[in-house]
Amino acid sequence: MANLPRRRTMEDICTIAGTKVPAIPAIPPDSVPNLESIRVVYDIAFAPSLDKFLESSNQWFTLHGFDLLASNRTLLGLMLAYLTLVSTNHDKPINANPTLVSQEARVTWAMLGLCTTPTPSNQPDDEADILARRYRTVESILTGEPLEPSTLPGAATMSLSEFVHQESDDNDSSVNMDITTGMNSLSPVTTFSTTPASFPQSSNLLDPLQQLHHQQLSQMHADMLLAAPTVSPSPFNAQVARRTHDFWSTLESIATSQTGDGTDPTTGRRPPLNTATPLIPQLRSLLDGKEQRDILYATCLLGWGPSDGESPTSERELGKRLLQNEFLGGRARGLVLGSVAGMCLRGMGVSDGAGSV
């Protein structure tokens, strides 16, 4: 712990210590990648969880992300290099290969960053601006670099109607751990139920029939979204929207209140926030049983949680174990959230549970 740098870049955070991940060149202009195969992987393994993590109100990553990926040959090269690693290691646990874990983190962070890409039409995209603010907020907390509100896209506030059509999977019951009711409700050994793997275990995902079936489902889903009638937000939806806004606004306040000194190499903690507002307890009150919020709250506990020792039942210890369980869950827990949990641990200078920092 004493050798940890005080500040880290996202490249550092994505890379397992001691692992050399080669630079990935962009795809040459005269090369034609198999976009349909890449789209299948993106649509199944990435898009739904990207939407979930940044809490998109209109499935922005599902509807718009791949077009931006396909138009960026550098990102395509990154994705193809990752898929090559997956193909050559498909019969091994993902966490057993530091290079694969590192490359997966790089791809995950790059896919989350699609929301910061200007649209080809240069037309305003309010949802992309909202997602970009959240992306920059998470980046700030992971690196320890204070967030500058003036550099963020979009308005600081959002309308309550933006989350009317939020997906019901935000209430996913596959995770039998809820820290909304307080971290003390967690047992010393946190358990998770497993769901069917969201990422291919072998190359059969790229079977042409499966591609066609998935494309048909994607088109049907897009048509349903376009045909969905506009409805006025119900009191419940308005409350959900307000609490979503409040959670991310509180997280943004934490990011802007950082001192910029990074993680203390002795204590492994971040310096106190430059605010008298109890932001961490406030964040805790807004978790609402959402897995992605649990991950971010646990990360903030590692940085600024109460100094209650290292007992197995301390809030910081439970937060650490939550992130380790998310990371070690691998593909069965969901590629994006598991990868982000690993980044959160490394960003805070904490072992990921597999022996890496």
Protein backbone atom coordinates (compact mmCIF):
# COMPACT_ATOMS: atom_id res chain seq x y z
CA MET A 1 0.00 0.00 0.00
CA ALA A 2 2.89 2.36 0.80
CA ASN A 3 4.09 2.28 -2.81
CA LEU A 4 0.79 3.38 -4.30
CA PRO A 5 0.89 6.61 -6.30
CA ARG A 6 -1.16 9.45 -4.89
CA ARG A 7 -2.84 10.15 -8.21
CA ARG A 8 -3.85 7.79 -10.99
CA THR A 9 -4.96 8.12 -14.58
CA MET A 10 -7.79 6.07 -16.05
CA GLU A 11 -5.19 4.07 -17.98
CA ASP A 12 -3.55 3.18 -14.65
CA ILE A 13 -6.91 2.30 -13.12
CA CYS A 14 -7.91 0.07 -16.02
CA THR A 15 -4.64 -1.85 -15.93
CA ILE A 16 -3.77 -4.49 -13.35
CA ALA A 17 -0.50 -3.54 -11.65
CA GLY A 18 2.47 -5.19 -13.31
CA THR A 19 0.54 -6.03 -16.47
CA LYS A 20 1.78 -4.77 -19.80
CA VAL A 21 -1.14 -4.18 -22.12
CA PRO A 22 0.15 -3.29 -25.59
CA ALA A 23 -1.07 -0.22 -27.39
CA ILE A 24 -3.81 -1.07 -29.86
CA PRO A 25 -3.53 0.58 -33.27
CA ALA A 26 -6.55 1.85 -35.12
CA ILE A 27 -7.96 -0.36 -37.86
CA PRO A 28 -6.35 0.63 -41.19
CA PRO A 29 -8.62 2.53 -43.60
CA ASP A 30 -8.44 -0.29 -46.15
CA SER A 31 -9.50 -2.93 -43.61
CA VAL A 32 -13.15 -3.96 -43.38
CA PRO A 33 -13.98 -5.43 -39.95
CA ASN A 34 -16.92 -7.75 -39.41
CA LEU A 35 -19.25 -5.14 -37.95
CA GLU A 36 -22.17 -7.53 -37.59
CA SER A 37 -20.18 -9.81 -35.31
CA ILE A 38 -19.01 -6.85 -33.25
CA ARG A 39 -22.57 -5.56 -33.05
CA VAL A 40 -23.83 -8.82 -31.59
CA VAL A 41 -21.24 -8.63 -28.82
CA TYR A 42 -21.92 -4.95 -28.19
CA ASP A 43 -25.71 -5.36 -28.10
CA ILE A 44 -25.65 -8.34 -25.76
CA ALA A 45 -22.60 -7.88 -23.54
CA PHE A 46 -22.24 -4.12 -23.33
CA ALA A 47 -25.20 -1.90 -24.25
CA PRO A 48 -27.78 -3.00 -21.62
CA SER A 49 -25.28 -2.72 -18.78
CA LEU A 50 -23.91 0.60 -20.04
CA ASP A 51 -27.47 1.95 -19.96
CA LYS A 52 -27.94 0.50 -16.50
CA PHE A 53 -24.72 1.83 -15.00
CA LEU A 54 -25.23 5.44 -16.11
CA GLU A 55 -29.03 5.09 -15.72
CA SER A 56 -30.02 6.17 -19.21
CA SER A 57 -33.67 7.15 -19.45
CA ASN A 58 -34.05 6.15 -23.10
CA GLN A 59 -31.53 3.30 -23.56
CA TRP A 60 -29.14 5.67 -25.27
CA PHE A 61 -26.28 3.18 -25.51
CA THR A 62 -28.59 0.54 -26.99
CA LEU A 63 -30.02 2.90 -29.59
CA HIS A 64 -27.02 5.07 -30.48
CA GLY A 65 -23.83 3.59 -29.07
CA PHE A 66 -22.96 1.09 -31.78
CA ASP A 67 -23.18 3.64 -34.60
CA LEU A 68 -20.61 5.78 -32.78
CA LEU A 69 -18.43 2.72 -32.13
CA ALA A 70 -18.60 1.65 -35.78
CA SER A 71 -17.50 5.11 -36.95
CA ASN A 72 -14.41 5.15 -34.71
CA ARG A 73 -11.68 2.89 -36.06
CA THR A 74 -9.56 3.32 -32.94
CA LEU A 75 -12.36 1.97 -30.74
CA LEU A 76 -13.01 -0.81 -33.24
CA GLY A 77 -9.36 -1.82 -33.00
CA LEU A 78 -9.64 -1.85 -29.21
CA MET A 79 -12.76 -4.00 -29.35
CA LEU A 80 -11.27 -6.47 -31.85
CA ALA A 81 -8.13 -6.87 -29.74
CA TYR A 82 -10.33 -7.59 -26.72
CA LEU A 83 -12.45 -10.14 -28.61
CA THR A 84 -9.27 -11.89 -29.76
CA LEU A 85 -8.18 -12.22 -26.13
CA VAL A 86 -11.61 -13.54 -25.17
CA SER A 87 -11.49 -16.10 -27.96
CA THR A 88 -8.09 -17.42 -26.92
CA ASN A 89 -9.05 -17.57 -23.24
CA HIS A 90 -12.70 -18.62 -23.46
CA ASP A 91 -12.14 -21.78 -21.42
CA LYS A 92 -10.50 -19.99 -18.49
CA PRO A 93 -11.92 -17.82 -15.69
CA ILE A 94 -11.72 -14.22 -16.85
CA ASN A 95 -10.15 -13.03 -13.60
CA ALA A 96 -7.28 -15.51 -13.99
CA ASN A 97 -5.75 -13.49 -16.84
CA PRO A 98 -4.57 -10.00 -15.81
CA THR A 99 -4.08 -8.95 -19.42
CA LEU A 100 -7.66 -9.89 -20.30
CA VAL A 101 -9.01 -8.16 -17.18
CA SER A 102 -7.05 -5.03 -18.06
CA GLN A 103 -8.16 -5.06 -21.68
CA GLU A 104 -11.77 -5.61 -20.66
CA ALA A 105 -11.58 -2.60 -18.35
CA ARG A 106 -10.14 -0.46 -21.14
CA VAL A 107 -12.92 -1.51 -23.50
CA THR A 108 -15.60 -1.00 -20.85
CA TRP A 109 -14.39 2.51 -20.06
CA ALA A 110 -14.13 3.35 -23.75
CA MET A 111 -17.69 2.13 -24.34
CA LEU A 112 -18.98 4.23 -21.43
CA GLY A 113 -17.19 7.18 -23.01
CA LEU A 114 -19.23 6.90 -26.21
CA CYS A 115 -21.70 9.33 -24.64
CA THR A 116 -19.04 12.05 -24.83
CA THR A 117 -18.68 11.64 -28.60
CA PRO A 118 -20.23 14.42 -30.68
CA THR A 119 -23.10 13.12 -32.79
CA PRO A 120 -22.48 13.06 -36.55
CA SER A 121 -25.37 15.46 -37.12
CA ASN A 122 -24.09 17.87 -34.46
CA GLN A 123 -27.66 18.11 -33.22
CA PRO A 124 -28.21 18.67 -29.49
CA ASP A 125 -28.61 15.44 -27.54
CA ASP A 126 -29.80 16.18 -24.02
CA GLU A 127 -29.63 12.55 -22.93
CA ALA A 128 -26.03 12.21 -24.14
CA ASP A 129 -25.15 15.37 -22.21
CA ILE A 130 -26.67 13.94 -19.03
CA LEU A 131 -24.80 10.66 -19.46
CA ALA A 132 -21.56 12.52 -20.21
CA ARG A 133 -21.89 14.45 -16.94
CA ARG A 134 -22.27 11.19 -15.06
CA TYR A 135 -19.35 9.62 -16.91
CA ARG A 136 -17.11 12.59 -16.03
CA THR A 137 -18.30 12.43 -12.42
CA VAL A 138 -17.34 8.77 -12.09
CA GLU A 139 -14.00 9.47 -13.78
CA SER A 140 -13.29 12.26 -11.30
CA ILE A 141 -14.01 10.06 -8.28
CA LEU A 142 -11.85 7.21 -9.60
CA THR A 143 -8.84 9.39 -10.44
CA GLY A 144 -9.15 11.83 -7.54
CA GLU A 145 -9.04 14.78 -9.92
CA PRO A 146 -11.59 17.40 -8.74
CA LEU A 147 -14.47 17.85 -11.13
CA GLU A 148 -14.84 21.28 -12.71
CA PRO A 149 -18.58 21.93 -13.19
CA SER A 150 -17.89 24.55 -15.85
CA THR A 151 -16.38 21.87 -18.11
CA LEU A 152 -19.42 19.59 -17.96
CA PRO A 153 -21.89 19.34 -20.83
CA GLY A 154 -25.59 20.06 -20.44
CA ALA A 155 -27.55 21.66 -17.67
CA ALA A 156 -26.98 20.79 -14.04
CA THR A 157 -30.64 19.95 -13.51
CA MET A 158 -32.96 17.63 -15.38
CA SER A 159 -36.67 17.45 -15.90
CA LEU A 160 -38.68 14.91 -13.97
CA SER A 161 -40.15 13.44 -17.13
CA GLU A 162 -36.81 12.18 -18.42
CA PHE A 163 -37.00 8.91 -16.52
CA VAL A 164 -40.63 8.00 -17.24
CA HIS A 165 -39.61 5.14 -19.50
CA GLN A 166 -36.81 3.77 -17.33
CA GLU A 167 -36.36 0.05 -17.67
CA SER A 168 -37.80 -2.17 -14.98
CA ASP A 169 -34.47 -3.98 -14.67
CA ASP A 170 -33.41 -1.22 -12.30
CA ASN A 171 -35.42 -3.22 -9.79
CA ASP A 172 -33.51 -6.40 -10.71
CA SER A 173 -34.00 -8.93 -7.94
CA SER A 174 -31.11 -11.13 -9.07
CA VAL A 175 -28.89 -9.38 -6.56
CA ASN A 176 -29.90 -10.48 -3.09
CA MET A 177 -27.91 -7.72 -1.46
CA ASP A 178 -29.48 -4.33 -0.76
CA ILE A 179 -27.53 -1.68 1.09
CA THR A 180 -30.36 0.84 0.79
CA THR A 181 -31.56 -0.20 4.22
CA GLY A 182 -28.08 0.34 5.60
CA MET A 183 -24.73 -1.35 5.33
CA ASN A 184 -25.38 -3.02 8.67
CA SER A 185 -27.94 -5.25 6.96
CA LEU A 186 -25.11 -7.00 5.11
CA SER A 187 -23.79 -10.17 6.61
CA PRO A 188 -20.00 -10.48 7.03
CA VAL A 189 -20.06 -12.87 4.05
CA THR A 190 -22.04 -11.21 1.29
CA THR A 191 -23.69 -13.64 -1.09
CA PHE A 192 -24.95 -13.11 -4.59
CA SER A 193 -27.32 -15.08 -6.73
CA THR A 194 -26.05 -15.74 -10.21
CA THR A 195 -27.82 -14.99 -13.43
CA PRO A 196 -27.17 -16.49 -16.86
CA ALA A 197 -23.90 -15.21 -18.21
CA SER A 198 -24.31 -12.06 -20.24
CA PHE A 199 -21.12 -12.62 -22.21
CA PRO A 200 -20.34 -15.45 -24.62
CA GLN A 201 -18.37 -18.35 -23.21
CA SER A 202 -17.32 -19.38 -26.70
CA SER A 203 -17.46 -18.19 -30.28
CA ASN A 204 -20.93 -19.66 -30.88
CA LEU A 205 -22.36 -16.22 -30.11
CA LEU A 206 -21.30 -15.23 -33.59
CA ASP A 207 -23.35 -17.93 -35.28
CA PRO A 208 -25.15 -16.34 -38.29
CA LEU A 209 -28.58 -17.55 -37.19
CA GLN A 210 -28.06 -16.10 -33.75
CA GLN A 211 -26.93 -12.83 -35.32
CA LEU A 212 -30.09 -12.66 -37.42
CA HIS A 213 -32.32 -13.47 -34.45
CA HIS A 214 -30.67 -10.83 -32.30
CA GLN A 215 -30.92 -8.21 -35.05
CA GLN A 216 -34.62 -8.93 -35.44
CA LEU A 217 -35.16 -8.55 -31.70
CA SER A 218 -33.18 -5.31 -31.66
CA GLN A 219 -35.24 -3.89 -34.51
CA MET A 220 -38.49 -4.91 -32.82
CA HIS A 221 -37.34 -3.25 -29.61
CA ALA A 222 -36.37 -0.05 -31.43
CA ASP A 223 -39.74 0.02 -33.21
CA MET A 224 -41.53 -0.40 -29.89
CA LEU A 225 -39.62 2.52 -28.39
CA LEU A 226 -40.43 4.76 -31.33
CA ALA A 227 -44.09 3.79 -31.22
CA ALA A 228 -44.43 4.20 -27.45
CA PRO A 229 -46.96 6.91 -26.63
CA THR A 230 -45.88 9.94 -24.65
CA VAL A 231 -47.35 9.82 -21.18
CA SER A 232 -47.38 12.25 -18.33
CA PRO A 233 -45.19 11.22 -15.44
CA SER A 234 -47.09 9.57 -12.64
CA PRO A 235 -46.32 10.59 -9.05
CA PHE A 236 -44.25 7.43 -8.69
CA ASN A 237 -42.25 8.10 -11.86
CA ALA A 238 -41.74 11.69 -10.79
CA GLN A 239 -40.36 10.49 -7.46
CA VAL A 240 -38.07 8.00 -9.22
CA ALA A 241 -36.82 10.79 -11.48
CA ARG A 242 -36.20 13.11 -8.57
CA ARG A 243 -34.26 10.50 -6.61
CA THR A 244 -32.20 9.59 -9.69
CA HIS A 245 -31.38 13.25 -10.16
CA ASP A 246 -30.56 13.67 -6.47
CA PHE A 247 -28.26 10.63 -6.42
CA TRP A 248 -26.17 11.78 -9.36
CA SER A 249 -26.17 15.40 -8.17
CA THR A 250 -24.85 14.25 -4.79
CA LEU A 251 -22.18 12.14 -6.48
CA GLU A 252 -21.26 15.16 -8.60
CA SER A 253 -20.95 17.26 -5.43
CA ILE A 254 -18.57 14.67 -4.00
CA ALA A 255 -16.47 14.83 -7.17
CA THR A 256 -16.32 18.63 -7.12
CA SER A 257 -15.48 18.71 -3.39
CA GLN A 258 -12.30 16.64 -3.73
CA THR A 259 -9.02 18.28 -2.80
CA GLY A 260 -7.08 16.78 -5.69
CA ASP A 261 -4.46 15.14 -3.46
CA GLY A 262 -5.45 11.60 -4.42
CA THR A 263 -5.27 8.54 -2.18
CA ASP A 264 -3.14 8.82 0.94
CA PRO A 265 -0.35 6.22 0.52
CA THR A 266 -0.35 5.48 4.26
CA THR A 267 -4.04 5.18 5.11
CA GLY A 268 -5.40 4.28 1.68
CA ARG A 269 -8.04 6.98 2.13
CA ARG A 270 -8.79 10.20 0.31
CA PRO A 271 -8.40 13.56 2.11
CA PRO A 272 -11.61 14.99 3.60
CA LEU A 273 -14.00 16.64 1.18
CA ASN A 274 -14.07 20.43 1.00
CA THR A 275 -17.62 20.69 2.26
CA ALA A 276 -19.50 20.62 5.54
CA THR A 277 -22.45 18.85 3.91
CA PRO A 278 -22.65 15.16 4.91
CA LEU A 279 -22.55 13.94 1.32
CA ILE A 280 -21.74 10.28 2.00
CA PRO A 281 -24.78 9.69 4.28
CA GLN A 282 -26.87 11.64 1.79
CA LEU A 283 -25.71 9.34 -1.00
CA ARG A 284 -26.55 6.32 1.12
CA SER A 285 -30.17 7.46 1.49
CA LEU A 286 -30.61 7.45 -2.31
CA LEU A 287 -29.46 3.92 -3.21
CA ASP A 288 -32.97 2.55 -3.79
CA GLY A 289 -31.72 -1.02 -4.19
CA LYS A 290 -29.94 -0.28 -7.48
CA GLU A 291 -26.81 -2.33 -8.07
CA GLN A 292 -24.96 0.41 -9.93
CA ARG A 293 -25.56 2.86 -7.08
CA ASP A 294 -24.35 0.30 -4.55
CA ILE A 295 -21.07 0.10 -6.48
CA LEU A 296 -20.58 3.86 -6.51
CA TYR A 297 -21.58 4.27 -2.87
CA ALA A 298 -19.18 1.51 -1.82
CA THR A 299 -16.44 3.32 -3.74
CA CYS A 300 -17.14 6.54 -1.88
CA LEU A 301 -17.06 4.63 1.41
CA LEU A 302 -13.52 3.50 0.62
CA GLY A 303 -12.48 7.07 -0.05
CA TRP A 304 -14.37 9.01 2.58
CA GLY A 305 -16.28 6.55 4.77
CA PRO A 306 -16.27 6.82 8.57
CA SER A 307 -13.07 5.84 10.35
CA ASP A 308 -14.58 2.92 12.21
CA GLY A 309 -11.60 0.61 12.07
CA GLU A 310 -11.08 -2.45 9.91
CA SER A 311 -13.48 -4.78 11.69
CA PRO A 312 -15.43 -7.21 9.45
CA THR A 313 -18.62 -5.24 10.09
CA SER A 314 -17.28 -1.73 9.45
CA GLU A 315 -18.93 0.18 6.63
CA ARG A 316 -15.69 0.55 4.70
CA GLU A 317 -14.94 -3.16 5.01
CA LEU A 318 -18.42 -4.09 3.81
CA GLY A 319 -18.10 -1.66 0.92
CA LYS A 320 -14.78 -3.23 -0.04
CA ARG A 321 -16.26 -6.70 0.00
CA LEU A 322 -19.24 -5.57 -2.04
CA LEU A 323 -16.88 -4.34 -4.79
CA GLN A 324 -14.71 -7.45 -4.57
CA ASN A 325 -17.76 -9.69 -4.93
CA GLU A 326 -18.96 -7.67 -7.92
CA PHE A 327 -15.54 -7.92 -9.55
CA LEU A 328 -14.91 -11.58 -8.79
CA GLY A 329 -18.39 -12.51 -10.03
CA GLY A 330 -17.02 -12.17 -13.56
CA ARG A 331 -19.21 -12.84 -16.55
CA ALA A 332 -22.04 -14.37 -14.54
CA ARG A 333 -22.42 -11.07 -12.69
CA GLY A 334 -22.40 -8.93 -15.82
CA LEU A 335 -19.38 -7.77 -17.75
CA VAL A 336 -19.71 -4.00 -17.38
CA LEU A 337 -20.61 -3.77 -13.69
CA GLY A 338 -17.99 -6.35 -12.73
CA SER A 339 -15.32 -4.51 -14.69
CA VAL A 340 -16.32 -1.14 -13.21
CA ALA A 341 -16.17 -2.62 -9.70
CA GLY A 342 -12.59 -3.69 -10.37
CA MET A 343 -11.74 -0.19 -11.57
CA CYS A 344 -13.29 1.28 -8.42
CA LEU A 345 -11.11 -0.93 -6.23
CA ARG A 346 -7.95 -0.08 -8.13
CA GLY A 347 -8.86 3.62 -8.18
CA MET A 348 -9.04 3.56 -4.39
CA GLY A 349 -5.86 1.50 -4.06
CA VAL A 350 -7.63 -1.58 -2.66
CA SER A 351 -7.00 -5.21 -3.56
CA ASP A 352 -9.59 -6.63 -5.94
CA GLY A 353 -9.72 -9.88 -3.97
CA ALA A 354 -7.77 -11.77 -6.61
CA GLY A 355 -4.41 -10.51 -5.43
CA SER A 356 -4.23 -7.45 -7.69
CA VAL A 357 -4.24 -3.76 -6.86
